[in-house]
C-alpha atoms as a PDB file:
ATOM      1  CA  UNK A   1      -0.089  -0.191   0.133  1.00  0.00           C
ATOM      2  CA  UNK A   2       2.596   2.309   0.854  1.00  0.00           C
ATOM      3  CA  UNK A   3       4.155   1.776  -3.229  1.00  0.00           C
ATOM      4  CA  UNK A   4       1.109   2.289  -4.423  1.00  0.00           C
ATOM      5  CA  UNK A   5       0.806   5.502  -2.673  1.00  0.00           C
ATOM      6  CA  UNK A   6       4.536   6.722  -3.109  1.00  0.00           C
ATOM      7  CA  UNK A   7       3.744   6.103  -6.634  1.00  0.00           C
ATOM      8  CA  UNK A   8       0.716   7.866  -7.109  1.00  0.00           C
ATOM      9  CA  UNK A   9       0.981  10.248  -4.426  1.00  0.00           C
ATOM     10  CA  UNK A  10      -0.753  13.622  -6.621  1.00  0.00           C
ATOM     11  CA  UNK A  11      -3.429  11.112  -8.148  1.00  0.00           C
ATOM     12  CA  UNK A  12      -5.012   9.977  -4.725  1.00  0.00           C
ATOM     13  CA  UNK A  13      -4.660  12.974  -3.014  1.00  0.00           C
ATOM     14  CA  UNK A  14      -6.253  14.718  -5.940  1.00  0.00           C
ATOM     15  CA  UNK A  15      -8.879  12.182  -5.952  1.00  0.00           C
ATOM     16  CA  UNK A  16      -9.341  13.031  -2.269  1.00  0.00           C
ATOM     17  CA  UNK A  17      -9.628  16.654  -1.890  1.00  0.00           C
ATOM     18  CA  UNK A  18     -12.067  16.245  -5.506  1.00  0.00           C
ATOM     19  CA  UNK A  19     -14.274  14.025  -2.837  1.00  0.00           C
ATOM     20  CA  UNK A  20     -14.246  15.636  -0.485  1.00  0.00           C
ATOM     21  CA  UNK A  21     -15.281  19.412  -2.531  1.00  0.00           C
ATOM     22  CA  UNK A  22     -17.712  17.377  -4.278  1.00  0.00           C
ATOM     23  CA  UNK A  23     -19.135  16.387  -0.534  1.00  0.00           C
ATOM     24  CA  UNK A  24     -19.393  19.903   0.587  1.00  0.00           C
ATOM     25  CA  UNK A  25     -21.286  21.084  -2.446  1.00  0.00           C
ATOM     26  CA  UNK A  26     -23.864  18.532  -1.839  1.00  0.00           C
ATOM     27  CA  UNK A  27     -23.810  19.416   1.787  1.00  0.00           C
ATOM     28  CA  UNK A  28     -24.038  22.681   2.119  1.00  0.00           C
ATOM     29  CA  UNK A  29     -24.878  24.105  -1.546  1.00  0.00           C
ATOM     30  CA  UNK A  30     -22.591  25.223  -4.253  1.00  0.00           C
ATOM     31  CA  UNK A  31     -23.128  29.169  -3.367  1.00  0.00           C
ATOM     32  CA  UNK A  32     -21.913  28.790   0.338  1.00  0.00           C
ATOM     33  CA  UNK A  33     -18.730  27.086  -0.287  1.00  0.00           C
ATOM     34  CA  UNK A  34     -17.749  29.358  -3.205  1.00  0.00           C
ATOM     35  CA  UNK A  35     -18.218  31.892  -0.352  1.00  0.00           C
ATOM     36  CA  UNK A  36     -16.403  30.338   2.202  1.00  0.00           C
ATOM     37  CA  UNK A  37     -13.067  29.642  -0.730  1.00  0.00           C
ATOM     38  CA  UNK A  38     -13.649  33.072  -1.536  1.00  0.00           C
ATOM     39  CA  UNK A  39     -13.337  34.963   2.182  1.00  0.00           C
ATOM     40  CA  UNK A  40     -10.940  32.761   3.403  1.00  0.00           C
ATOM     41  CA  UNK A  41      -8.725  33.630  -0.893  1.00  0.00           C
ATOM     42  CA  UNK A  42      -9.812  37.300   1.248  1.00  0.00           C
ATOM     43  CA  UNK A  43      -7.860  35.973   4.281  1.00  0.00           C
ATOM     44  CA  UNK A  44      -4.694  34.663   2.509  1.00  0.00           C
ATOM     45  CA  UNK A  45      -3.774  37.599   0.177  1.00  0.00           C
ATOM     46  CA  UNK A  46      -5.236  40.318   3.644  1.00  0.00           C
ATOM     47  CA  UNK A  47      -2.224  38.539   5.593  1.00  0.00           C
ATOM     48  CA  UNK A  48      -0.070  38.620   2.964  1.00  0.00           C
ATOM     49  CA  UNK A  49      -0.394  42.518   2.268  1.00  0.00           C
ATOM     50  CA  UNK A  50      -0.291  42.984   6.309  1.00  0.00           C
ATOM     51  CA  UNK A  51       2.924  40.687   6.193  1.00  0.00           C
ATOM     52  CA  UNK A  52       4.611  42.353   3.294  1.00  0.00           C
ATOM     53  CA  UNK A  53       2.612  45.216   1.331  1.00  0.00           C
ATOM     54  CA  UNK A  54       1.576  45.048  -2.373  1.00  0.00           C
ATOM     55  CA  UNK A  55       4.967  43.603  -3.097  1.00  0.00           C
ATOM     56  CA  UNK A  56       4.670  40.423  -0.967  1.00  0.00           C
ATOM     57  CA  UNK A  57       1.266  39.304  -3.623  1.00  0.00           C
ATOM     58  CA  UNK A  58       3.141  40.966  -6.165  1.00  0.00           C
ATOM     59  CA  UNK A  59       6.165  38.250  -5.882  1.00  0.00           C
ATOM     60  CA  UNK A  60       3.308  35.182  -5.401  1.00  0.00           C
ATOM     61  CA  UNK A  61       2.291  35.883  -8.947  1.00  0.00           C
ATOM     62  CA  UNK A  62       5.636  36.745  -9.954  1.00  0.00           C
ATOM     63  CA  UNK A  63       6.700  32.821  -8.701  1.00  0.00           C
ATOM     64  CA  UNK A  64       3.402  31.184  -8.954  1.00  0.00           C
ATOM     65  CA  UNK A  65       3.416  32.360 -12.928  1.00  0.00           C
ATOM     66  CA  UNK A  66       8.013  32.323 -13.428  1.00  0.00           C
ATOM     67  CA  UNK A  67       8.799  29.746 -16.674  1.00  0.00           C
ATOM     68  CA  UNK A  68       5.268  29.760 -17.890  1.00  0.00           C
ATOM     69  CA  UNK A  69       5.109  31.495 -21.261  1.00  0.00           C
ATOM     70  CA  UNK A  70       3.493  31.124 -23.747  1.00  0.00           C
END
């Protein structure tokens, strides 16, 4: 079992994550889940701005898209 997980780690993790998201949508509704995600994203970027200013956000996106030129 350990070998299987090591070989397919991301497939397992993302499948479980997708299952959790589907269950959340089914149990609490799409709009509620969307609201929670938006608040979480706002808190994430708000804390980033508090710690490093807008330069921290720019650096985050610069690193996120680094090396992905078309």
